[in-house]
PDB file of N, CA and C in Angstrom:
ATOM      1  N   MET A   1      85.530  90.756  82.821  1.00  0.00           N
ATOM      2  CA  MET A   1      86.360  91.780  83.415  1.00  0.00           C
ATOM      3  C   MET A   1      85.550  93.078  83.503  1.00  0.00           C
ATOM      4  N   GLU A   2      85.716  93.752  84.597  1.00  0.00           N
ATOM      5  CA  GLU A   2      85.006  95.009  84.764  1.00  0.00           C
ATOM      6  C   GLU A   2      85.576  96.066  83.821  1.00  0.00           C
ATOM      7  N   THR A   3      84.714  96.967  83.414  1.00  0.00           N
ATOM      8  CA  THR A   3      85.200  98.059  82.588  1.00  0.00           C
ATOM      9  C   THR A   3      85.851  99.102  83.479  1.00  0.00           C
ATOM     10  N   LEU A   4      86.624  99.970  82.862  1.00  0.00           N
ATOM     11  CA  LEU A   4      87.266 101.042  83.629  1.00  0.00           C
ATOM     12  C   LEU A   4      86.230 101.927  84.305  1.00  0.00           C
ATOM     13  N   LYS A   5      85.133 102.174  83.610  1.00  0.00           N
ATOM     14  CA  LYS A   5      84.085 103.016  84.191  1.00  0.00           C
ATOM     15  C   LYS A   5      83.506 102.372  85.452  1.00  0.00           C
ATOM     16  N   GLU A   6      83.256 101.072  85.397  1.00  0.00           N
ATOM     17  CA  GLU A   6      82.730 100.370  86.574  1.00  0.00           C
ATOM     18  C   GLU A   6      83.734 100.407  87.716  1.00  0.00           C
ATOM     19  N   LEU A   7      85.005 100.222  87.397  1.00  0.00           N
ATOM     20  CA  LEU A   7      86.037 100.285  88.430  1.00  0.00           C
ATOM     21  C   LEU A   7      86.090 101.671  89.058  1.00  0.00           C
ATOM     22  N   GLN A   8      86.030 102.705  88.227  1.00  0.00           N
ATOM     23  CA  GLN A   8      86.045 104.073  88.752  1.00  0.00           C
ATOM     24  C   GLN A   8      84.849 104.320  89.660  1.00  0.00           C
ATOM     25  N   GLU A   9      83.689 103.843  89.248  1.00  0.00           N
ATOM     26  CA  GLU A   9      82.488 104.013  90.070  1.00  0.00           C
ATOM     27  C   GLU A   9      82.643 103.291  91.405  1.00  0.00           C
ATOM     28  N   ASN A  10      83.192 102.086  91.372  1.00  0.00           N
ATOM     29  CA  ASN A  10      83.419 101.335  92.605  1.00  0.00           C
ATOM     30  C   ASN A  10      84.404 102.058  93.514  1.00  0.00           C
ATOM     31  N   ILE A  11      85.459 102.585  92.929  1.00  0.00           N
ATOM     32  CA  ILE A  11      86.469 103.301  93.708  1.00  0.00           C
ATOM     33  C   ILE A  11      85.855 104.536  94.358  1.00  0.00           C
ATOM     34  N   GLU A  12      85.092 105.293  93.603  1.00  0.00           N
ATOM     35  CA  GLU A  12      84.467 106.500  94.153  1.00  0.00           C
ATOM     36  C   GLU A  12      83.477 106.156  95.261  1.00  0.00           C
ATOM     37  N   GLU A  13      82.725 105.081  95.067  1.00  0.00           N
ATOM     38  CA  GLU A  13      81.771 104.661  96.095  1.00  0.00           C
ATOM     39  C   GLU A  13      82.504 104.271  97.379  1.00  0.00           C
ATOM     40  N   VAL A  14      83.578 103.499  97.245  1.00  0.00           N
ATOM     41  CA  VAL A  14      84.338 103.076  98.425  1.00  0.00           C
ATOM     42  C   VAL A  14      84.976 104.279  99.108  1.00  0.00           C
ATOM     43  N   ARG A  15      85.509 105.216  98.346  1.00  0.00           N
ATOM     44  CA  ARG A  15      86.097 106.428  98.938  1.00  0.00           C
ATOM     45  C   ARG A  15      85.062 107.189  99.759  1.00  0.00           C
ATOM     46  N   SER A  16      83.895 107.358  99.188  1.00  0.00           N
ATOM     47  CA  SER A  16      82.830 108.077  99.878  1.00  0.00           C
ATOM     48  C   SER A  16      82.419 107.357 101.158  1.00  0.00           C
ATOM     49  N   LEU A  17      82.216 106.059 101.043  1.00  0.00           N
ATOM     50  CA  LEU A  17      81.841 105.277 102.219  1.00  0.00           C
ATOM     51  C   LEU A  17      82.949 105.282 103.267  1.00  0.00           C
ATOM     52  N   LEU A  18      84.189 105.218 102.827  1.00  0.00           N
ATOM     53  CA  LEU A  18      85.316 105.248 103.758  1.00  0.00           C
ATOM     54  C   LEU A  18      85.346 106.569 104.515  1.00  0.00           C
ATOM     55  N   ASN A  19      85.144 107.672 103.811  1.00  0.00           N
ATOM     56  CA  ASN A  19      85.120 108.980 104.481  1.00  0.00           C
ATOM     57  C   ASN A  19      84.022 109.036 105.535  1.00  0.00           C
ATOM     58  N   ASN A  20      82.849 108.539 105.199  1.00  0.00           N
ATOM     59  CA  ASN A  20      81.746 108.525 106.163  1.00  0.00           C
ATOM     60  C   ASN A  20      82.050 107.614 107.344  1.00  0.00           C
ATOM     61  N   THR A  21      82.669 106.477 107.064  1.00  0.00           N
ATOM     62  CA  THR A  21      83.014 105.535 108.127  1.00  0.00           C
ATOM     63  C   THR A  21      84.050 106.129 109.068  1.00  0.00           C
ATOM     64  N   ILE A  22      85.019 106.842 108.519  1.00  0.00           N
ATOM     65  CA  ILE A  22      86.036 107.501 109.348  1.00  0.00           C
ATOM     66  C   ILE A  22      85.371 108.520 110.266  1.00  0.00           C
ATOM     67  N   LEU A  23      84.410 109.265 109.733  1.00  0.00           N
ATOM     68  CA  LEU A  23      83.698 110.244 110.562  1.00  0.00           C
ATOM     69  C   LEU A  23      82.950 109.556 111.700  1.00  0.00           C
ATOM     70  N   VAL A  24      82.322 108.431 111.406  1.00  0.00           N
ATOM     71  CA  VAL A  24      81.567 107.700 112.426  1.00  0.00           C
ATOM     72  C   VAL A  24      82.504 107.101 113.465  1.00  0.00           C
ATOM     73  N   LYS A  25      83.566 106.449 113.007  1.00  0.00           N
ATOM     74  CA  LYS A  25      84.500 105.775 113.916  1.00  0.00           C
ATOM     75  C   LYS A  25      85.407 106.766 114.637  1.00  0.00           C
ATOM     76  N   GLY A  26      85.761 107.849 113.948  1.00  0.00           N
ATOM     77  CA  GLY A  26      86.616 108.870 114.553  1.00  0.00           C
ATOM     78  C   GLY A  26      88.074 108.475 114.680  1.00  0.00           C
ATOM     79  N   SER A  27      88.482 107.414 113.988  1.00  0.00           N
ATOM     80  CA  SER A  27      89.870 106.962 114.103  1.00  0.00           C
ATOM     81  C   SER A  27      90.320 106.279 112.821  1.00  0.00           C
ATOM     82  N   LEU A  28      91.514 106.646 112.379  1.00  0.00           N
ATOM     83  CA  LEU A  28      92.077 105.995 111.198  1.00  0.00           C
ATOM     84  C   LEU A  28      92.692 104.640 111.529  1.00  0.00           C
ATOM     85  N   THR A  29      92.871 104.365 112.819  1.00  0.00           N
ATOM     86  CA  THR A  29      93.516 103.114 113.225  1.00  0.00           C
ATOM     87  C   THR A  29      92.518 102.029 113.623  1.00  0.00           C
ATOM     88  N   ASP A  30      91.245 102.312 113.493  1.00  0.00           N
ATOM     89  CA  ASP A  30      90.221 101.303 113.778  1.00  0.00           C
ATOM     90  C   ASP A  30      90.396 100.137 112.800  1.00  0.00           C
ATOM     91  N   PRO A  31      90.309  98.901 113.266  1.00  0.00           N
ATOM     92  CA  PRO A  31      90.499  97.738 112.382  1.00  0.00           C
ATOM     93  C   PRO A  31      89.582  97.738 111.154  1.00  0.00           C
ATOM     94  N   GLU A  32      88.349  98.183 111.314  1.00  0.00           N
ATOM     95  CA  GLU A  32      87.438  98.226 110.163  1.00  0.00           C
ATOM     96  C   GLU A  32      87.892  99.262 109.139  1.00  0.00           C
ATOM     97  N   ILE A  33      88.402 100.391 109.616  1.00  0.00           N
ATOM     98  CA  ILE A  33      88.904 101.437 108.716  1.00  0.00           C
ATOM     99  C   ILE A  33      90.117 100.909 107.955  1.00  0.00           C
ATOM    100  N   ILE A  34      90.992 100.228 108.657  1.00  0.00           N
ATOM    101  CA  ILE A  34      92.186  99.666 108.020  1.00  0.00           C
ATOM    102  C   ILE A  34      91.783  98.663 106.944  1.00  0.00           C
ATOM    103  N   TYR A  35      90.822  97.798 107.257  1.00  0.00           N
ATOM    104  CA  TYR A  35      90.364  96.803 106.285  1.00  0.00           C
ATOM    105  C   TYR A  35      89.760  97.486 105.052  1.00  0.00           C
ATOM    106  N   ILE A  36      88.912  98.464 105.269  1.00  0.00           N
ATOM    107  CA  ILE A  36      88.282  99.177 104.149  1.00  0.00           C
ATOM    108  C   ILE A  36      89.349  99.867 103.304  1.00  0.00           C
ATOM    109  N   SER A  37      90.331 100.466 103.948  1.00  0.00           N
ATOM    110  CA  SER A  37      91.424 101.124 103.223  1.00  0.00           C
ATOM    111  C   SER A  37      92.185 100.122 102.364  1.00  0.00           C
ATOM    112  N   GLN A  38      92.397  98.940 102.897  1.00  0.00           N
ATOM    113  CA  GLN A  38      93.088  97.896 102.137  1.00  0.00           C
ATOM    114  C   GLN A  38      92.264  97.474 100.923  1.00  0.00           C
ATOM    115  N   GLN A  39      90.959  97.383 101.097  1.00  0.00           N
ATOM    116  CA  GLN A  39      90.096  97.019  99.976  1.00  0.00           C
ATOM    117  C   GLN A  39      90.113  98.103  98.906  1.00  0.00           C
ATOM    118  N   LEU A  40      90.148  99.363  99.330  1.00  0.00           N
ATOM    119  CA  LEU A  40      90.249 100.467  98.379  1.00  0.00           C
ATOM    120  C   LEU A  40      91.575 100.382  97.629  1.00  0.00           C
ATOM    121  N   ASP A  41      92.646 100.073  98.326  1.00  0.00           N
ATOM    122  CA  ASP A  41      93.945  99.894  97.670  1.00  0.00           C
ATOM    123  C   ASP A  41      93.874  98.799  96.610  1.00  0.00           C
ATOM    124  N   CYS A  42      93.180  97.715  96.913  1.00  0.00           N
ATOM    125  CA  CYS A  42      93.025  96.621  95.948  1.00  0.00           C
ATOM    126  C   CYS A  42      92.283  97.097  94.700  1.00  0.00           C
ATOM    127  N   LEU A  43      91.223  97.869  94.898  1.00  0.00           N
ATOM    128  CA  LEU A  43      90.481  98.411  93.754  1.00  0.00           C
ATOM    129  C   LEU A  43      91.355  99.339  92.923  1.00  0.00           C
ATOM    130  N   LEU A  44      92.115 100.190  93.602  1.00  0.00           N
ATOM    131  CA  LEU A  44      92.999 101.112  92.890  1.00  0.00           C
ATOM    132  C   LEU A  44      94.064 100.349  92.108  1.00  0.00           C
ATOM    133  N   ASN A  45      94.613  99.309  92.704  1.00  0.00           N
ATOM    134  CA  ASN A  45      95.616  98.499  92.013  1.00  0.00           C
ATOM    135  C   ASN A  45      95.023  97.812  90.789  1.00  0.00           C
ATOM    136  N   LYS A  46      93.810  97.302  90.937  1.00  0.00           N
ATOM    137  CA  LYS A  46      93.137  96.650  89.810  1.00  0.00           C
ATOM    138  C   LYS A  46      92.892  97.666  88.695  1.00  0.00           C
ATOM    139  N   HIS A  47      92.434  98.836  89.063  1.00  0.00           N
ATOM    140  CA  HIS A  47      92.194  99.906  88.096  1.00  0.00           C
ATOM    141  C   HIS A  47      93.485 100.246  87.360  1.00  0.00           C
ATOM    142  N   ASN A  48      94.564 100.414  88.106  1.00  0.00           N
ATOM    143  CA  ASN A  48      95.845 100.768  87.495  1.00  0.00           C
ATOM    144  C   ASN A  48      96.356  99.671  86.566  1.00  0.00           C
ATOM    145  N   ARG A  49      96.156  98.412  86.932  1.00  0.00           N
ATOM    146  CA  ARG A  49      96.570  97.306  86.061  1.00  0.00           C
ATOM    147  C   ARG A  49      95.812  97.357  84.736  1.00  0.00           C
ATOM    148  N   VAL A  50      94.514  97.599  84.809  1.00  0.00           N
ATOM    149  CA  VAL A  50      93.703  97.650  83.585  1.00  0.00           C
ATOM    150  C   VAL A  50      94.116  98.841  82.728  1.00  0.00           C
ATOM    151  N   VAL A  51      94.330  99.985  83.352  1.00  0.00           N
ATOM    152  CA  VAL A  51      94.767 101.175  82.612  1.00  0.00           C
ATOM    153  C   VAL A  51      96.105 100.900  81.930  1.00  0.00           C
ATOM    154  N   ASN A  52      97.040 100.319  82.665  1.00  0.00           N
ATOM    155  CA  ASN A  52      98.357 100.031  82.097  1.00  0.00           C
ATOM    156  C   ASN A  52      98.282  99.015  80.962  1.00  0.00           C
ATOM    157  N   MET A  53      97.402  98.027  81.094  1.00  0.00           N
ATOM    158  CA  MET A  53      97.223  97.057  80.016  1.00  0.00           C
ATOM    159  C   MET A  53      96.708  97.751  78.761  1.00  0.00           C
ATOM    160  N   CYS A  54      95.748  98.643  78.935  1.00  0.00           N
ATOM    161  CA  CYS A  54      95.193  99.381  77.796  1.00  0.00           C
ATOM    162  C   CYS A  54      96.263 100.249  77.142  1.00  0.00           C
ATOM    163  N   LYS A  55      97.040 100.940  77.954  1.00  0.00           N
ATOM    164  CA  LYS A  55      98.106 101.798  77.422  1.00  0.00           C
ATOM    165  C   LYS A  55      99.138 100.974  76.661  1.00  0.00           C
ATOM    166  N   LYS A  56      99.462  99.793  77.183  1.00  0.00           N
ATOM    167  CA  LYS A  56     100.435  98.933  76.513  1.00  0.00           C
ATOM    168  C   LYS A  56      99.914  98.502  75.148  1.00  0.00           C
ATOM    169  N   VAL A  57      98.653  98.110  75.090  1.00  0.00           N
ATOM    170  CA  VAL A  57      98.061  97.693  73.816  1.00  0.00           C
ATOM    171  C   VAL A  57      98.097  98.850  72.825  1.00  0.00           C
ATOM    172  N   ILE A  58      97.740 100.037  73.283  1.00  0.00           N
ATOM    173  CA  ILE A  58      97.730 101.217  72.411  1.00  0.00           C
ATOM    174  C   ILE A  58      99.142 101.522  71.920  1.00  0.00           C
ATOM    175  N   ASN A  59     100.112 101.473  72.824  1.00  0.00           N
ATOM    176  CA  ASN A  59     101.494 101.781  72.451  1.00  0.00           C
ATOM    177  C   ASN A  59     102.093 100.723  71.536  1.00  0.00           C
ATOM    178  N   ASP A  60     101.696  99.471  71.727  1.00  0.00           N
ATOM    179  CA  ASP A  60     102.212  98.389  70.891  1.00  0.00           C
ATOM    180  C   ASP A  60     101.568  98.379  69.511  1.00  0.00           C
ATOM    181  N   TYR A  61     100.430  99.022  69.391  1.00  0.00           N
ATOM    182  CA  TYR A  61      99.706  99.035  68.136  1.00  0.00           C
ATOM    183  C   TYR A  61     100.364 100.031  67.236  1.00  0.00           C
TER     184      TYR A  61
END
């Protein structure tokens, strides 16, 4: 399982690349932009699941 730090780094990298891609494409509705946005959402969801799991363990302890 990836660590939270690795997930954060991946999320930041995708955000940066997405911003650059939007500038190049010039449209938020471009299919590639939509796909990249969906992948970023997946990373964010994974990050949030891991954070919530950690919080649950801490609270249950």
